[in-house]
Amino acid sequence: MTETLNDLSRSLLAIAPEKSILDDLNITDINDNHDKYVAEFDMAVELLRRTVDKKDKVAIQCALTRVRITSLNLSNIYQDIIDDVMLINGHESWPSIPEGYKIPEEYNEPQK
């Protein structure tokens, strides 16, 4: 996933239509946050497993809250990606897409 996020970051930064947009993009922090949030999610799931094993209902509730919070942190990363894509794609500098346009097949072929 890290490699994919790096590719996305490079692509979005390369096509940002104006330097002023760069300050509004979240993509530069996404990789660091992703790794951190995945680690926090892993720890929350491990905490949940341990509390379930001990059948400690109060601790289970707290662990479920941690799983929820860390899941929300992960989902926010994807919302940041959506926001960045919309910001760049919605910029007025892009040409309009002709009606019926289809991405050429060459882009759908696997790279060699």
C-alpha atoms as a PDB file:
ATOM      1  CA  MET A   1       0.000   0.000   0.000  1.00  0.00           C
ATOM      2  CA  THR A   2       2.857   2.375   0.753  1.00  0.00           C
ATOM      3  CA  GLU A   3       4.164   2.075  -2.807  1.00  0.00           C
ATOM      4  CA  THR A   4       0.699   2.798  -4.191  1.00  0.00           C
ATOM      5  CA  LEU A   5       0.333   5.855  -1.964  1.00  0.00           C
ATOM      6  CA  ASN A   6       3.794   7.053  -3.066  1.00  0.00           C
ATOM      7  CA  ASP A   7       2.753   6.644  -6.720  1.00  0.00           C
ATOM      8  CA  LEU A   8      -0.466   8.531  -6.053  1.00  0.00           C
ATOM      9  CA  SER A   9       1.397  11.304  -4.263  1.00  0.00           C
ATOM     10  CA  ARG A  10       3.915  11.719  -7.096  1.00  0.00           C
ATOM     11  CA  SER A  11       1.143  11.750  -9.701  1.00  0.00           C
ATOM     12  CA  LEU A  12      -1.063  14.258  -7.894  1.00  0.00           C
ATOM     13  CA  LEU A  13       1.839  16.581  -7.143  1.00  0.00           C
ATOM     14  CA  ALA A  14       2.977  16.377 -10.778  1.00  0.00           C
ATOM     15  CA  ILE A  15      -0.426  17.363 -12.160  1.00  0.00           C
ATOM     16  CA  ALA A  16      -1.433  19.992  -9.608  1.00  0.00           C
ATOM     17  CA  PRO A  17      -2.391  22.865 -11.928  1.00  0.00           C
ATOM     18  CA  GLU A  18      -1.051  25.640  -9.706  1.00  0.00           C
ATOM     19  CA  LYS A  19       1.561  25.897  -7.001  1.00  0.00           C
ATOM     20  CA  SER A  20      -1.025  27.515  -4.730  1.00  0.00           C
ATOM     21  CA  ILE A  21      -3.019  24.260  -4.714  1.00  0.00           C
ATOM     22  CA  LEU A  22      -0.056  22.379  -3.272  1.00  0.00           C
ATOM     23  CA  ASP A  23      -0.615  24.011   0.117  1.00  0.00           C
ATOM     24  CA  ASP A  24      -4.184  22.664   0.184  1.00  0.00           C
ATOM     25  CA  LEU A  25      -3.290  19.067  -0.677  1.00  0.00           C
ATOM     26  CA  ASN A  26      -3.308  16.392   2.014  1.00  0.00           C
ATOM     27  CA  ILE A  27      -1.357  13.846  -0.016  1.00  0.00           C
ATOM     28  CA  THR A  28       2.039  14.844   1.355  1.00  0.00           C
ATOM     29  CA  ASP A  29       1.074  13.617   4.847  1.00  0.00           C
ATOM     30  CA  ILE A  30      -0.957  10.593   3.816  1.00  0.00           C
ATOM     31  CA  ASN A  31       1.884   8.065   3.672  1.00  0.00           C
ATOM     32  CA  ASP A  32       3.206   8.878   7.132  1.00  0.00           C
ATOM     33  CA  ASN A  33      -0.291   8.957   8.574  1.00  0.00           C
ATOM     34  CA  HIS A  34      -1.244   5.702   6.855  1.00  0.00           C
ATOM     35  CA  ASP A  35       1.616   3.749   8.403  1.00  0.00           C
ATOM     36  CA  LYS A  36       0.919   5.285  11.819  1.00  0.00           C
ATOM     37  CA  TYR A  37      -2.833   4.654  11.611  1.00  0.00           C
ATOM     38  CA  VAL A  38      -2.398   1.057  10.464  1.00  0.00           C
ATOM     39  CA  ALA A  39      -0.077   0.417  13.409  1.00  0.00           C
ATOM     40  CA  GLU A  40      -2.592   2.004  15.800  1.00  0.00           C
ATOM     41  CA  PHE A  41      -5.404  -0.087  14.276  1.00  0.00           C
ATOM     42  CA  ASP A  42      -3.328  -3.255  14.695  1.00  0.00           C
ATOM     43  CA  MET A  43      -2.750  -2.399  18.356  1.00  0.00           C
ATOM     44  CA  ALA A  44      -6.450  -1.688  18.902  1.00  0.00           C
ATOM     45  CA  VAL A  45      -7.439  -5.034  17.367  1.00  0.00           C
ATOM     46  CA  GLU A  46      -4.846  -6.802  19.512  1.00  0.00           C
ATOM     47  CA  LEU A  47      -6.256  -5.048  22.590  1.00  0.00           C
ATOM     48  CA  LEU A  48      -9.745  -6.169  21.621  1.00  0.00           C
ATOM     49  CA  ARG A  49      -8.574  -9.763  21.170  1.00  0.00           C
ATOM     50  CA  ARG A  50      -6.938  -9.763  24.601  1.00  0.00           C
ATOM     51  CA  THR A  51     -10.002  -8.304  26.322  1.00  0.00           C
ATOM     52  CA  VAL A  52     -12.293 -10.797  24.580  1.00  0.00           C
ATOM     53  CA  ASP A  53     -10.015 -13.668  25.632  1.00  0.00           C
ATOM     54  CA  LYS A  54     -10.366 -12.519  29.257  1.00  0.00           C
ATOM     55  CA  LYS A  55     -14.113 -11.893  28.839  1.00  0.00           C
ATOM     56  CA  ASP A  56     -13.711  -8.481  30.490  1.00  0.00           C
ATOM     57  CA  LYS A  57     -16.841  -6.680  29.302  1.00  0.00           C
ATOM     58  CA  VAL A  58     -15.822  -3.212  30.468  1.00  0.00           C
ATOM     59  CA  ALA A  59     -12.393  -3.524  28.852  1.00  0.00           C
ATOM     60  CA  ILE A  60     -14.051  -4.926  25.709  1.00  0.00           C
ATOM     61  CA  GLN A  61     -16.179  -1.775  25.439  1.00  0.00           C
ATOM     62  CA  CYS A  62     -13.088   0.408  25.752  1.00  0.00           C
ATOM     63  CA  ALA A  63     -11.245  -1.709  23.189  1.00  0.00           C
ATOM     64  CA  LEU A  64     -14.186  -1.439  20.781  1.00  0.00           C
ATOM     65  CA  THR A  65     -14.004   2.338  21.134  1.00  0.00           C
ATOM     66  CA  ARG A  66     -10.312   2.232  20.220  1.00  0.00           C
ATOM     67  CA  VAL A  67     -11.073   0.057  17.186  1.00  0.00           C
ATOM     68  CA  ARG A  68     -13.725   2.570  16.139  1.00  0.00           C
ATOM     69  CA  ILE A  69     -11.383   5.562  16.545  1.00  0.00           C
ATOM     70  CA  THR A  70      -8.507   3.927  14.679  1.00  0.00           C
ATOM     71  CA  SER A  71     -10.891   2.825  11.925  1.00  0.00           C
ATOM     72  CA  LEU A  72     -12.107   6.405  11.565  1.00  0.00           C
ATOM     73  CA  ASN A  73      -8.509   7.599  11.308  1.00  0.00           C
ATOM     74  CA  LEU A  74      -7.943   5.164   8.447  1.00  0.00           C
ATOM     75  CA  SER A  75     -11.145   6.219   6.704  1.00  0.00           C
ATOM     76  CA  ASN A  76     -10.089   9.870   6.977  1.00  0.00           C
ATOM     77  CA  ILE A  77      -7.017   9.067   4.888  1.00  0.00           C
ATOM     78  CA  TYR A  78      -9.245   7.932   2.047  1.00  0.00           C
ATOM     79  CA  GLN A  79     -11.411  11.016   2.450  1.00  0.00           C
ATOM     80  CA  ASP A  80      -8.250  13.130   2.158  1.00  0.00           C
ATOM     81  CA  ILE A  81      -7.419  11.343  -1.098  1.00  0.00           C
ATOM     82  CA  ILE A  82     -10.931  12.020  -2.404  1.00  0.00           C
ATOM     83  CA  ASP A  83     -10.646  15.685  -1.414  1.00  0.00           C
ATOM     84  CA  ASP A  84      -7.274  16.047  -3.178  1.00  0.00           C
ATOM     85  CA  VAL A  85      -8.514  14.377  -6.354  1.00  0.00           C
ATOM     86  CA  MET A  86     -11.621  16.564  -6.404  1.00  0.00           C
ATOM     87  CA  LEU A  87      -9.552  19.715  -5.817  1.00  0.00           C
ATOM     88  CA  ILE A  88      -7.192  18.931  -8.693  1.00  0.00           C
ATOM     89  CA  ASN A  89      -9.804  17.509 -11.064  1.00  0.00           C
ATOM     90  CA  GLY A  90     -12.192  20.391 -10.444  1.00  0.00           C
ATOM     91  CA  HIS A  91      -9.660  23.060 -11.360  1.00  0.00           C
ATOM     92  CA  GLU A  92     -10.653  25.244 -14.292  1.00  0.00           C
ATOM     93  CA  SER A  93      -7.425  24.586 -16.199  1.00  0.00           C
ATOM     94  CA  TRP A  94      -8.514  21.130 -17.402  1.00  0.00           C
ATOM     95  CA  PRO A  95     -10.042  20.735 -20.861  1.00  0.00           C
ATOM     96  CA  SER A  96     -13.608  19.518 -20.950  1.00  0.00           C
ATOM     97  CA  ILE A  97     -14.054  15.813 -21.556  1.00  0.00           C
ATOM     98  CA  PRO A  98     -15.794  15.202 -24.878  1.00  0.00           C
ATOM     99  CA  GLU A  99     -19.099  13.375 -24.744  1.00  0.00           C
ATOM    100  CA  GLY A 100     -18.618   9.645 -25.226  1.00  0.00           C
ATOM    101  CA  TYR A 101     -14.873   9.814 -24.496  1.00  0.00           C
ATOM    102  CA  LYS A 102     -13.299   6.524 -23.458  1.00  0.00           C
ATOM    103  CA  ILE A 103      -9.837   6.061 -22.046  1.00  0.00           C
ATOM    104  CA  PRO A 104      -7.681   4.488 -24.794  1.00  0.00           C
ATOM    105  CA  GLU A 105      -7.124   0.749 -24.383  1.00  0.00           C
ATOM    106  CA  GLU A 106      -3.344   1.207 -24.226  1.00  0.00           C
ATOM    107  CA  TYR A 107      -3.777   2.619 -20.689  1.00  0.00           C
ATOM    108  CA  ASN A 108      -5.641  -0.486 -19.588  1.00  0.00           C
ATOM    109  CA  GLU A 109      -2.975  -2.920 -20.767  1.00  0.00           C
ATOM    110  CA  PRO A 110      -0.559  -4.291 -18.160  1.00  0.00           C
ATOM    111  CA  GLN A 111       2.833  -2.636 -18.108  1.00  0.00           C
ATOM    112  CA  LYS A 112       5.758  -4.703 -19.304  1.00  0.00           C
END
